[in-house]
Amino acid sequence: MSFVESRDPARHLAGFAMVVILHVALVYALINGLARRIVEVVQAPLEVRLLDELKPRVDKPPPPQPPTSAAPPVPFVPIPEVRIETPPESPNAITATSSAKPAAEQPAPHPALAPTRTAAVVDGRNCDKPEYPPASLRAQETGLVVLRFLIGDDGTVIDSKIDKPSGYRRLDEAARKALSLCRFRPGTQDGKPVQSWARIEYLWQLDD
């Protein structure tokens, strides 16, 4: 046994008609600008009001206080001047007086004079002529030798040195030994003979 659900054709038709009517009304509204009015209503300008900016609170200054009265200045009281009278000098009083004369100005001492000094005088012409060394003579050695002598206060040679050699040691030693035997005039200081160094030159040369 089967059951078949029976449908009402009139009821089905009424629902279909209702759907058609709704679609027609929607199309009509779009054609007549109903949707545009809705959009205009939505897009209406918004009114914005700005609230007044809050102003900072300014505290009122405290009321001025009345000036305090200063204490009155202390009056100046001048100190009384006290005069002390000195007793008059007695006629019998003895006053001390100085009879010493001021010392005469002493003359300034003269600065010490620098000592006068003279150099020793060495002159080989007053001495015996040094002998030519035989080996130097055969080799025909010549040259100029410079010697330094320490002259004593009596004119004798105390010490001797070769200041500038001639280039030949035999000639230098022969001149030093021979001239050291000479006697020279010593140097002086304040007129008195003293020891001093002096230079002397001797030329070795062959006789023609």
N, C-alpha and C. Protein backbone atom coordinates (compact mmCIF):
# COMPACT_ATOMS: atom_id res chain seq x y z
N MET A 1 0.86 -1.17 0.00
CA MET A 1 0.00 0.00 0.00
C MET A 1 0.89 1.21 0.00
N SER A 2 0.63 2.10 -0.97
CA SER A 2 1.49 3.29 -1.12
C SER A 2 0.69 4.53 -0.87
N PHE A 3 1.43 5.52 -0.28
CA PHE A 3 0.75 6.80 0.00
C PHE A 3 1.37 7.86 -0.88
N VAL A 4 0.61 8.69 -1.52
CA VAL A 4 1.06 9.78 -2.38
C VAL A 4 0.55 11.07 -1.78
N GLU A 5 1.54 12.01 -1.56
CA GLU A 5 1.17 13.29 -0.93
C GLU A 5 0.44 14.14 -1.95
N SER A 6 -0.69 14.57 -1.62
CA SER A 6 -1.51 15.38 -2.52
C SER A 6 -1.12 16.83 -2.35
N ARG A 7 -0.93 17.59 -3.42
CA ARG A 7 -0.58 19.00 -3.40
C ARG A 7 -1.76 19.82 -3.85
N ASP A 8 -1.84 21.08 -3.22
CA ASP A 8 -2.93 21.98 -3.58
C ASP A 8 -2.44 22.89 -4.67
N PRO A 9 -2.97 22.84 -5.89
CA PRO A 9 -2.50 23.67 -7.00
C PRO A 9 -2.74 25.14 -6.74
N ALA A 10 -3.81 25.48 -6.11
CA ALA A 10 -4.10 26.91 -5.87
C ALA A 10 -3.08 27.52 -4.92
N ARG A 11 -2.70 26.81 -3.95
CA ARG A 11 -1.72 27.30 -2.98
C ARG A 11 -0.37 27.48 -3.64
N HIS A 12 0.04 26.60 -4.47
CA HIS A 12 1.31 26.70 -5.18
C HIS A 12 1.31 27.89 -6.10
N LEU A 13 0.21 28.17 -6.72
CA LEU A 13 0.11 29.29 -7.64
C LEU A 13 0.17 30.61 -6.90
N ALA A 14 -0.43 30.69 -5.74
CA ALA A 14 -0.41 31.95 -4.96
C ALA A 14 1.00 32.30 -4.52
N GLY A 15 1.80 31.32 -4.14
CA GLY A 15 3.20 31.61 -3.74
C GLY A 15 4.04 32.10 -4.89
N PHE A 16 3.83 31.52 -6.05
CA PHE A 16 4.59 31.95 -7.23
C PHE A 16 4.25 33.37 -7.61
N ALA A 17 2.92 33.71 -7.49
CA ALA A 17 2.50 35.07 -7.82
C ALA A 17 3.14 36.08 -6.86
N MET A 18 3.25 35.74 -5.59
CA MET A 18 3.84 36.64 -4.60
C MET A 18 5.29 36.92 -4.94
N VAL A 19 6.05 35.95 -5.39
CA VAL A 19 7.45 36.14 -5.75
C VAL A 19 7.59 37.06 -6.94
N VAL A 20 6.68 36.88 -7.91
CA VAL A 20 6.74 37.73 -9.11
C VAL A 20 6.47 39.17 -8.75
N ILE A 21 5.48 39.38 -7.84
CA ILE A 21 5.12 40.75 -7.44
C ILE A 21 6.31 41.43 -6.76
N LEU A 22 7.02 40.73 -5.91
CA LEU A 22 8.17 41.30 -5.21
C LEU A 22 9.26 41.70 -6.20
N HIS A 23 9.50 40.90 -7.20
CA HIS A 23 10.52 41.24 -8.20
C HIS A 23 10.12 42.46 -9.02
N VAL A 24 8.81 42.53 -9.34
CA VAL A 24 8.34 43.69 -10.12
C VAL A 24 8.49 44.96 -9.29
N ALA A 25 8.16 44.90 -8.01
CA ALA A 25 8.27 46.08 -7.16
C ALA A 25 9.73 46.53 -7.03
N LEU A 26 10.64 45.58 -6.94
CA LEU A 26 12.07 45.93 -6.82
C LEU A 26 12.58 46.60 -8.09
N VAL A 27 12.16 46.09 -9.26
CA VAL A 27 12.58 46.68 -10.53
C VAL A 27 12.02 48.08 -10.66
N TYR A 28 10.80 48.28 -10.22
CA TYR A 28 10.16 49.59 -10.28
C TYR A 28 10.89 50.59 -9.40
N ALA A 29 11.27 50.13 -8.25
CA ALA A 29 11.98 51.04 -7.34
C ALA A 29 13.32 51.45 -7.92
N LEU A 30 14.03 50.54 -8.55
CA LEU A 30 15.32 50.89 -9.16
C LEU A 30 15.15 51.86 -10.30
N ILE A 31 14.08 51.69 -11.08
CA ILE A 31 13.87 52.57 -12.24
C ILE A 31 13.53 53.98 -11.78
N ASN A 32 12.72 54.15 -10.75
CA ASN A 32 12.26 55.47 -10.29
C ASN A 32 13.28 56.17 -9.38
N GLY A 33 14.47 55.65 -9.14
CA GLY A 33 15.53 56.34 -8.37
C GLY A 33 15.38 56.22 -6.88
N LEU A 34 14.67 55.22 -6.45
CA LEU A 34 14.54 55.03 -5.00
C LEU A 34 15.89 54.67 -4.37
N ALA A 35 16.66 53.88 -5.10
CA ALA A 35 17.96 53.49 -4.56
C ALA A 35 18.91 54.68 -4.48
N ARG A 36 18.78 55.60 -5.50
CA ARG A 36 19.66 56.77 -5.47
C ARG A 36 19.37 57.64 -4.27
N ARG A 37 18.08 57.76 -3.91
CA ARG A 37 17.73 58.55 -2.73
C ARG A 37 18.29 57.94 -1.47
N ILE A 38 18.26 56.63 -1.45
CA ILE A 38 18.82 55.98 -0.26
C ILE A 38 20.31 56.28 -0.13
N VAL A 39 21.03 56.25 -1.32
CA VAL A 39 22.46 56.54 -1.31
C VAL A 39 22.73 57.98 -0.91
N GLU A 40 21.88 58.93 -1.39
CA GLU A 40 22.06 60.33 -1.02
C GLU A 40 21.87 60.55 0.46
N VAL A 41 20.88 59.81 0.99
CA VAL A 41 20.65 59.95 2.43
C VAL A 41 21.87 59.46 3.21
N VAL A 42 22.48 58.36 2.71
CA VAL A 42 23.63 57.82 3.40
C VAL A 42 24.85 58.75 3.29
N GLN A 43 24.97 59.40 2.03
CA GLN A 43 26.12 60.26 1.78
C GLN A 43 25.92 61.71 2.24
N ALA A 44 24.93 61.99 3.00
CA ALA A 44 24.72 63.36 3.48
C ALA A 44 25.91 63.80 4.34
N PRO A 45 26.33 65.07 4.21
CA PRO A 45 27.50 65.53 4.99
C PRO A 45 27.23 65.44 6.48
N LEU A 46 28.26 65.01 7.12
CA LEU A 46 28.19 64.91 8.57
C LEU A 46 28.57 66.24 9.18
N GLU A 47 27.89 66.67 10.13
CA GLU A 47 28.16 67.93 10.83
C GLU A 47 29.06 67.62 12.03
N VAL A 48 30.22 68.24 11.98
CA VAL A 48 31.20 68.01 13.03
C VAL A 48 31.39 69.30 13.81
N ARG A 49 31.33 69.22 15.08
CA ARG A 49 31.53 70.37 15.96
C ARG A 49 32.78 70.15 16.80
N LEU A 50 33.62 71.13 16.69
CA LEU A 50 34.85 71.07 17.47
C LEU A 50 34.62 71.72 18.82
N LEU A 51 34.96 70.99 19.81
CA LEU A 51 34.84 71.52 21.17
C LEU A 51 35.94 72.55 21.41
N ASP A 52 35.60 73.54 22.11
CA ASP A 52 36.61 74.57 22.45
C ASP A 52 37.76 73.94 23.22
N GLU A 53 39.00 74.36 22.80
CA GLU A 53 40.20 73.84 23.47
C GLU A 53 40.21 74.26 24.92
N LEU A 54 40.52 73.28 25.70
CA LEU A 54 40.56 73.56 27.13
C LEU A 54 41.73 74.49 27.43
N LYS A 55 41.43 75.58 28.00
CA LYS A 55 42.47 76.55 28.37
C LYS A 55 43.13 76.13 29.66
N PRO A 56 44.50 76.27 29.73
CA PRO A 56 45.17 75.89 30.98
C PRO A 56 44.72 76.78 32.12
N ARG A 57 44.65 76.16 33.21
CA ARG A 57 44.20 76.85 34.42
C ARG A 57 45.33 77.72 34.95
N VAL A 58 45.06 78.97 35.10
CA VAL A 58 46.05 79.93 35.59
C VAL A 58 45.72 80.23 37.04
N ASP A 59 46.71 79.87 37.87
CA ASP A 59 46.49 80.17 39.29
C ASP A 59 46.68 81.66 39.53
N LYS A 60 45.82 82.21 40.26
CA LYS A 60 45.93 83.63 40.57
C LYS A 60 47.04 83.85 41.58
N PRO A 61 47.88 84.88 41.36
CA PRO A 61 48.94 85.15 42.34
C PRO A 61 48.35 85.52 43.68
N PRO A 62 49.08 85.15 44.73
CA PRO A 62 48.54 85.49 46.06
C PRO A 62 48.51 87.00 46.25
N PRO A 63 47.60 87.45 46.97
CA PRO A 63 47.48 88.91 47.19
C PRO A 63 48.73 89.45 47.87
N PRO A 64 49.20 90.64 47.44
CA PRO A 64 50.41 91.22 48.07
C PRO A 64 50.20 91.47 49.54
N GLN A 65 51.24 91.11 50.30
CA GLN A 65 51.18 91.31 51.73
C GLN A 65 51.62 92.73 52.07
N PRO A 66 51.06 93.28 53.03
CA PRO A 66 51.47 94.66 53.41
C PRO A 66 52.90 94.65 53.92
N PRO A 67 53.72 95.65 53.54
CA PRO A 67 55.12 95.70 54.00
C PRO A 67 55.20 95.79 55.51
N THR A 68 56.15 94.99 56.00
CA THR A 68 56.37 95.01 57.45
C THR A 68 57.19 96.23 57.82
N SER A 69 56.87 96.80 58.83
CA SER A 69 57.57 98.01 59.28
C SER A 69 58.93 97.64 59.83
N ALA A 70 60.00 98.26 59.27
CA ALA A 70 61.36 97.99 59.74
C ALA A 70 61.60 98.67 61.07
N ALA A 71 62.52 98.05 61.80
CA ALA A 71 62.82 98.63 63.11
C ALA A 71 63.50 99.98 62.93
N PRO A 72 63.20 100.94 63.68
CA PRO A 72 63.82 102.28 63.54
C PRO A 72 65.31 102.20 63.80
N PRO A 73 66.13 102.93 63.02
CA PRO A 73 67.59 102.89 63.22
C PRO A 73 67.97 103.42 64.59
N VAL A 74 69.06 102.86 65.09
CA VAL A 74 69.56 103.29 66.40
C VAL A 74 70.17 104.68 66.27
N PRO A 75 69.76 105.59 67.03
CA PRO A 75 70.33 106.95 66.91
C PRO A 75 71.81 106.95 67.25
N PHE A 76 72.60 107.73 66.47
CA PHE A 76 74.05 107.83 66.67
C PHE A 76 74.35 108.77 67.81
N VAL A 77 75.09 108.25 68.76
CA VAL A 77 75.47 109.07 69.92
C VAL A 77 76.96 109.34 69.82
N PRO A 78 77.41 110.54 69.54
CA PRO A 78 78.86 110.82 69.43
C PRO A 78 79.57 110.60 70.74
N ILE A 79 80.81 110.04 70.64
CA ILE A 79 81.63 109.82 71.83
C ILE A 79 82.25 111.14 72.25
N PRO A 80 82.10 111.49 73.46
CA PRO A 80 82.66 112.78 73.91
C PRO A 80 84.18 112.76 73.83
N GLU A 81 84.75 113.81 73.31
CA GLU A 81 86.20 113.95 73.17
C GLU A 81 86.82 114.32 74.51
N VAL A 82 87.79 113.52 74.91
CA VAL A 82 88.47 113.75 76.19
C VAL A 82 89.86 114.29 75.91
N ARG A 83 90.17 115.40 76.38
CA ARG A 83 91.48 116.02 76.20
C ARG A 83 92.28 115.85 77.48
N ILE A 84 93.50 115.33 77.30
CA ILE A 84 94.40 115.16 78.44
C ILE A 84 95.50 116.19 78.33
N GLU A 85 95.56 117.05 79.24
CA GLU A 85 96.57 118.10 79.22
C GLU A 85 97.87 117.57 79.79
N THR A 86 98.95 117.76 79.04
CA THR A 86 100.27 117.35 79.51
C THR A 86 100.85 118.43 80.38
N PRO A 87 101.54 118.04 81.43
CA PRO A 87 102.11 119.08 82.30
C PRO A 87 103.22 119.83 81.58
N PRO A 88 103.36 121.08 81.81
CA PRO A 88 104.44 121.85 81.15
C PRO A 88 105.80 121.35 81.56
N GLU A 89 106.72 121.43 80.63
CA GLU A 89 108.06 120.92 80.88
C GLU A 89 108.75 121.76 81.94
N SER A 90 109.36 121.07 82.85
CA SER A 90 110.04 121.76 83.93
C SER A 90 111.26 122.48 83.41
N PRO A 91 111.53 123.66 83.86
CA PRO A 91 112.72 124.39 83.37
C PRO A 91 114.02 123.72 83.78
N ASN A 92 113.99 122.85 84.80
CA ASN A 92 115.20 122.19 85.24
C ASN A 92 115.44 120.86 84.53
N ALA A 93 114.53 120.50 83.64
CA ALA A 93 114.70 119.23 82.94
C ALA A 93 115.89 119.31 82.01
N ILE A 94 116.61 118.19 81.91
CA ILE A 94 117.80 118.11 81.07
C ILE A 94 117.45 117.28 79.85
N THR A 95 117.61 117.85 78.72
CA THR A 95 117.35 117.15 77.46
C THR A 95 118.66 116.63 76.92
N ALA A 96 118.62 115.38 76.49
CA ALA A 96 119.83 114.76 75.97
C ALA A 96 120.03 115.18 74.53
N THR A 97 121.17 115.67 74.21
CA THR A 97 121.52 116.07 72.85
C THR A 97 122.76 115.31 72.43
N SER A 98 122.81 114.98 71.19
CA SER A 98 123.93 114.24 70.65
C SER A 98 124.89 115.20 69.99
N SER A 99 126.11 115.13 70.40
CA SER A 99 127.14 115.99 69.82
C SER A 99 128.02 115.26 68.83
N ALA A 100 127.65 113.98 68.57
CA ALA A 100 128.49 113.21 67.65
C ALA A 100 128.26 113.69 66.23
N LYS A 101 129.31 113.80 65.49
CA LYS A 101 129.24 114.23 64.10
C LYS A 101 128.99 113.02 63.20
N PRO A 102 128.26 113.24 62.17
CA PRO A 102 128.03 112.11 61.26
C PRO A 102 129.33 111.61 60.66
N ALA A 103 129.41 110.31 60.59
CA ALA A 103 130.64 109.72 60.05
C ALA A 103 130.81 110.11 58.60
N ALA A 104 132.02 110.42 58.25
CA ALA A 104 132.31 110.80 56.87
C ALA A 104 132.20 109.58 55.96
N GLU A 105 131.71 109.83 54.79
CA GLU A 105 131.54 108.74 53.84
C GLU A 105 132.90 108.20 53.42
N GLN A 106 133.02 106.87 53.55
CA GLN A 106 134.26 106.23 53.16
C GLN A 106 134.30 106.09 51.65
N PRO A 107 135.42 106.37 51.01
CA PRO A 107 135.50 106.22 49.55
C PRO A 107 135.39 104.75 49.17
N ALA A 108 134.71 104.52 48.09
CA ALA A 108 134.54 103.15 47.60
C ALA A 108 135.87 102.58 47.18
N PRO A 109 136.12 101.33 47.55
CA PRO A 109 137.42 100.73 47.17
C PRO A 109 137.50 100.55 45.66
N HIS A 110 138.65 100.76 45.16
CA HIS A 110 138.86 100.61 43.72
C HIS A 110 138.89 99.13 43.35
N PRO A 111 138.30 98.79 42.23
CA PRO A 111 138.35 97.38 41.83
C PRO A 111 139.78 96.93 41.58
N ALA A 112 140.02 95.65 41.93
CA ALA A 112 141.37 95.11 41.74
C ALA A 112 141.74 95.10 40.27
N LEU A 113 142.91 95.57 40.00
CA LEU A 113 143.36 95.61 38.62
C LEU A 113 143.75 94.22 38.16
N ALA A 114 143.46 93.93 36.90
CA ALA A 114 143.82 92.63 36.33
C ALA A 114 145.34 92.52 36.26
N PRO A 115 145.86 91.35 36.61
CA PRO A 115 147.33 91.21 36.57
C PRO A 115 147.85 91.32 35.15
N THR A 116 148.97 92.01 35.02
CA THR A 116 149.63 92.14 33.71
C THR A 116 150.54 90.94 33.51
N ARG A 117 150.45 90.34 32.35
CA ARG A 117 151.21 89.12 32.06
C ARG A 117 151.86 89.26 30.69
N THR A 118 153.10 88.82 30.61
CA THR A 118 153.84 88.82 29.35
C THR A 118 154.27 87.39 29.04
N ALA A 119 154.33 87.07 27.75
CA ALA A 119 154.70 85.72 27.32
C ALA A 119 156.23 85.57 27.28
N ALA A 120 156.65 84.33 27.39
CA ALA A 120 158.09 84.03 27.29
C ALA A 120 158.57 84.26 25.85
N VAL A 121 159.84 84.61 25.73
CA VAL A 121 160.44 84.87 24.42
C VAL A 121 161.45 83.75 24.14
N VAL A 122 161.16 83.00 23.06
CA VAL A 122 162.07 81.92 22.66
C VAL A 122 162.65 82.30 21.30
N ASP A 123 163.95 82.31 21.22
CA ASP A 123 164.64 82.69 19.98
C ASP A 123 165.77 81.68 19.75
N GLY A 124 165.57 80.89 18.71
CA GLY A 124 166.54 79.84 18.42
C GLY A 124 167.87 80.36 17.89
N ARG A 125 167.95 81.63 17.52
CA ARG A 125 169.20 82.16 16.97
C ARG A 125 170.27 82.28 18.04
N ASN A 126 169.86 82.32 19.29
CA ASN A 126 170.85 82.41 20.37
C ASN A 126 171.28 81.03 20.85
N CYS A 127 170.76 79.99 20.23
CA CYS A 127 171.09 78.61 20.64
C CYS A 127 172.04 77.98 19.62
N ASP A 128 172.67 76.91 20.05
CA ASP A 128 173.50 76.14 19.12
C ASP A 128 172.59 75.47 18.09
N LYS A 129 173.05 75.49 16.85
CA LYS A 129 172.24 74.91 15.77
C LYS A 129 172.19 73.40 15.91
N PRO A 130 170.96 72.80 15.86
CA PRO A 130 170.86 71.34 15.96
C PRO A 130 171.61 70.67 14.81
N GLU A 131 172.25 69.53 15.10
CA GLU A 131 172.98 68.78 14.08
C GLU A 131 172.01 67.93 13.26
N TYR A 132 172.27 67.90 11.97
CA TYR A 132 171.44 67.11 11.05
C TYR A 132 171.68 65.62 11.32
N PRO A 133 170.67 64.86 11.54
CA PRO A 133 170.89 63.42 11.72
C PRO A 133 171.51 62.82 10.45
N PRO A 134 172.56 61.98 10.58
CA PRO A 134 173.21 61.42 9.38
C PRO A 134 172.25 60.67 8.48
N ALA A 135 171.35 59.89 9.06
CA ALA A 135 170.42 59.12 8.22
C ALA A 135 169.49 60.07 7.47
N SER A 136 169.04 61.14 8.12
CA SER A 136 168.17 62.11 7.43
C SER A 136 168.94 62.87 6.37
N LEU A 137 170.23 63.08 6.64
CA LEU A 137 171.05 63.78 5.65
C LEU A 137 171.23 62.93 4.41
N ARG A 138 171.50 61.64 4.62
CA ARG A 138 171.66 60.77 3.46
C ARG A 138 170.34 60.62 2.70
N ALA A 139 169.25 60.62 3.44
CA ALA A 139 167.95 60.50 2.76
C ALA A 139 167.43 61.84 2.27
N GLN A 140 168.18 62.90 2.58
CA GLN A 140 167.81 64.26 2.17
C GLN A 140 166.38 64.60 2.66
N GLU A 141 166.20 64.37 3.97
CA GLU A 141 164.90 64.70 4.58
C GLU A 141 164.90 66.16 5.02
N THR A 142 163.83 66.87 4.73
CA THR A 142 163.65 68.28 5.14
C THR A 142 162.22 68.46 5.66
N GLY A 143 162.02 69.54 6.35
CA GLY A 143 160.67 69.84 6.85
C GLY A 143 160.70 70.84 7.99
N LEU A 144 159.50 71.35 8.34
CA LEU A 144 159.33 72.33 9.42
C LEU A 144 158.66 71.64 10.60
N VAL A 145 159.28 71.75 11.78
CA VAL A 145 158.73 71.18 12.99
C VAL A 145 158.38 72.32 13.95
N VAL A 146 157.23 72.18 14.63
CA VAL A 146 156.77 73.18 15.60
C VAL A 146 156.80 72.53 16.97
N LEU A 147 157.51 73.17 17.89
CA LEU A 147 157.70 72.64 19.23
C LEU A 147 157.07 73.58 20.26
N ARG A 148 156.71 72.99 21.42
CA ARG A 148 156.19 73.77 22.55
C ARG A 148 157.08 73.50 23.76
N PHE A 149 157.54 74.58 24.38
CA PHE A 149 158.43 74.48 25.52
C PHE A 149 157.78 75.14 26.73
N LEU A 150 157.95 74.47 27.90
CA LEU A 150 157.56 75.08 29.17
C LEU A 150 158.79 75.75 29.76
N ILE A 151 158.77 77.09 29.75
CA ILE A 151 159.92 77.86 30.21
C ILE A 151 159.75 78.18 31.70
N GLY A 152 160.74 77.84 32.49
CA GLY A 152 160.71 78.15 33.91
C GLY A 152 161.00 79.60 34.18
N ASP A 153 160.84 79.98 35.46
CA ASP A 153 161.07 81.39 35.81
C ASP A 153 162.53 81.78 35.68
N ASP A 154 163.42 80.79 35.55
CA ASP A 154 164.84 81.11 35.34
C ASP A 154 165.24 81.03 33.88
N GLY A 155 164.30 80.74 32.98
CA GLY A 155 164.59 80.72 31.55
C GLY A 155 164.94 79.36 31.00
N THR A 156 165.08 78.35 31.84
CA THR A 156 165.42 77.02 31.35
C THR A 156 164.15 76.28 30.91
N VAL A 157 164.35 75.26 30.03
CA VAL A 157 163.22 74.47 29.53
C VAL A 157 162.91 73.36 30.53
N ILE A 158 161.69 73.35 31.04
CA ILE A 158 161.26 72.32 31.99
C ILE A 158 160.63 71.14 31.27
N ASP A 159 159.89 71.40 30.21
CA ASP A 159 159.20 70.34 29.48
C ASP A 159 159.11 70.78 28.03
N SER A 160 158.93 69.79 27.13
CA SER A 160 158.84 70.08 25.70
C SER A 160 157.89 69.10 25.04
N LYS A 161 157.22 69.56 23.99
CA LYS A 161 156.29 68.73 23.23
C LYS A 161 156.40 69.07 21.75
N ILE A 162 156.08 68.09 20.92
CA ILE A 162 156.04 68.31 19.47
C ILE A 162 154.62 68.74 19.11
N ASP A 163 154.46 69.97 18.73
CA ASP A 163 153.13 70.51 18.43
C ASP A 163 152.70 70.14 17.01
N LYS A 164 153.62 70.25 16.05
CA LYS A 164 153.32 69.90 14.66
C LYS A 164 154.56 69.23 14.07
N PRO A 165 154.49 67.94 13.76
CA PRO A 165 155.69 67.25 13.26
C PRO A 165 156.02 67.66 11.83
N SER A 166 157.28 67.42 11.48
CA SER A 166 157.76 67.75 10.13
C SER A 166 157.47 66.65 9.12
N GLY A 167 157.12 65.48 9.62
CA GLY A 167 156.92 64.33 8.73
C GLY A 167 158.01 63.29 8.88
N TYR A 168 159.09 63.69 9.58
CA TYR A 168 160.22 62.77 9.81
C TYR A 168 160.52 62.79 11.31
N ARG A 169 160.38 61.64 11.91
CA ARG A 169 160.53 61.57 13.36
C ARG A 169 161.97 61.87 13.79
N ARG A 170 162.98 61.49 12.98
CA ARG A 170 164.37 61.76 13.34
C ARG A 170 164.63 63.26 13.42
N LEU A 171 164.07 64.01 12.49
CA LEU A 171 164.24 65.46 12.50
C LEU A 171 163.53 66.09 13.71
N ASP A 172 162.32 65.58 14.06
CA ASP A 172 161.56 66.15 15.18
C ASP A 172 162.30 65.95 16.50
N GLU A 173 162.80 64.75 16.72
CA GLU A 173 163.49 64.46 17.98
C GLU A 173 164.82 65.21 18.08
N ALA A 174 165.54 65.33 16.95
CA ALA A 174 166.82 66.06 16.97
C ALA A 174 166.60 67.53 17.30
N ALA A 175 165.53 68.14 16.76
CA ALA A 175 165.26 69.54 17.06
C ALA A 175 164.81 69.72 18.51
N ARG A 176 164.00 68.82 19.01
CA ARG A 176 163.50 68.96 20.38
C ARG A 176 164.64 68.84 21.41
N LYS A 177 165.53 67.86 21.20
CA LYS A 177 166.63 67.67 22.16
C LYS A 177 167.62 68.83 22.11
N ALA A 178 167.90 69.31 20.94
CA ALA A 178 168.91 70.38 20.82
C ALA A 178 168.37 71.70 21.37
N LEU A 179 167.12 72.06 21.06
CA LEU A 179 166.58 73.35 21.51
C LEU A 179 166.19 73.32 22.98
N SER A 180 166.00 72.13 23.56
CA SER A 180 165.68 72.07 24.99
C SER A 180 166.87 72.47 25.86
N LEU A 181 168.06 72.49 25.26
CA LEU A 181 169.25 72.89 26.02
C LEU A 181 169.44 74.40 26.03
N CYS A 182 168.59 75.11 25.30
CA CYS A 182 168.75 76.57 25.22
C CYS A 182 168.18 77.22 26.48
N ARG A 183 168.51 78.50 26.61
CA ARG A 183 168.00 79.31 27.71
C ARG A 183 167.23 80.48 27.10
N PHE A 184 165.98 80.65 27.54
CA PHE A 184 165.11 81.68 26.96
C PHE A 184 164.70 82.69 28.03
N ARG A 185 164.06 83.75 27.58
CA ARG A 185 163.58 84.76 28.52
C ARG A 185 162.20 84.35 29.02
N PRO A 186 162.03 84.18 30.33
CA PRO A 186 160.75 83.69 30.85
C PRO A 186 159.65 84.75 30.74
N GLY A 187 158.43 84.28 30.86
CA GLY A 187 157.30 85.21 30.91
C GLY A 187 157.19 85.83 32.29
N THR A 188 156.42 86.94 32.40
CA THR A 188 156.28 87.65 33.66
C THR A 188 154.80 87.88 33.98
N GLN A 189 154.53 88.05 35.27
CA GLN A 189 153.20 88.42 35.75
C GLN A 189 153.40 89.47 36.83
N ASP A 190 152.84 90.65 36.56
CA ASP A 190 153.05 91.80 37.45
C ASP A 190 154.54 92.08 37.64
N GLY A 191 155.30 91.88 36.57
CA GLY A 191 156.73 92.17 36.61
C GLY A 191 157.59 91.07 37.18
N LYS A 192 156.99 89.97 37.62
CA LYS A 192 157.78 88.88 38.19
C LYS A 192 157.82 87.71 37.22
N PRO A 193 159.00 87.04 37.07
CA PRO A 193 159.09 85.90 36.14
C PRO A 193 158.27 84.72 36.64
N VAL A 194 157.58 84.09 35.71
CA VAL A 194 156.74 82.92 36.02
C VAL A 194 156.92 81.89 34.93
N GLN A 195 156.48 80.67 35.22
CA GLN A 195 156.51 79.62 34.21
C GLN A 195 155.42 79.86 33.18
N SER A 196 155.72 79.54 31.94
CA SER A 196 154.75 79.71 30.86
C SER A 196 155.19 78.88 29.66
N TRP A 197 154.19 78.54 28.82
CA TRP A 197 154.45 77.78 27.60
C TRP A 197 154.72 78.74 26.45
N ALA A 198 155.59 78.29 25.53
CA ALA A 198 155.92 79.09 24.35
C ALA A 198 156.15 78.16 23.17
N ARG A 199 155.93 78.69 21.97
CA ARG A 199 156.12 77.90 20.74
C ARG A 199 157.37 78.37 20.00
N ILE A 200 157.95 77.42 19.30
CA ILE A 200 159.13 77.73 18.47
C ILE A 200 159.10 76.83 17.24
N GLU A 201 159.47 77.37 16.11
CA GLU A 201 159.51 76.64 14.85
C GLU A 201 160.98 76.47 14.43
N TYR A 202 161.23 75.32 13.86
CA TYR A 202 162.59 75.07 13.34
C TYR A 202 162.45 74.39 11.98
N LEU A 203 163.19 74.96 11.01
CA LEU A 203 163.14 74.47 9.63
C LEU A 203 164.41 73.66 9.33
N TRP A 204 164.20 72.41 8.96
CA TRP A 204 165.30 71.57 8.51
C TRP A 204 165.41 71.69 6.98
N GLN A 205 166.58 72.13 6.55
CA GLN A 205 166.81 72.24 5.10
C GLN A 205 168.29 71.95 4.81
N LEU A 206 168.54 71.44 3.62
CA LEU A 206 169.89 71.06 3.19
C LEU A 206 170.64 72.27 2.64
N ASP A 207 171.91 72.36 2.93
CA ASP A 207 172.72 73.47 2.40
C ASP A 207 173.04 73.18 0.94
N ASP A 208 173.01 74.23 0.13
CA ASP A 208 173.33 74.08 -1.28
C ASP A 208 174.84 73.86 -1.48
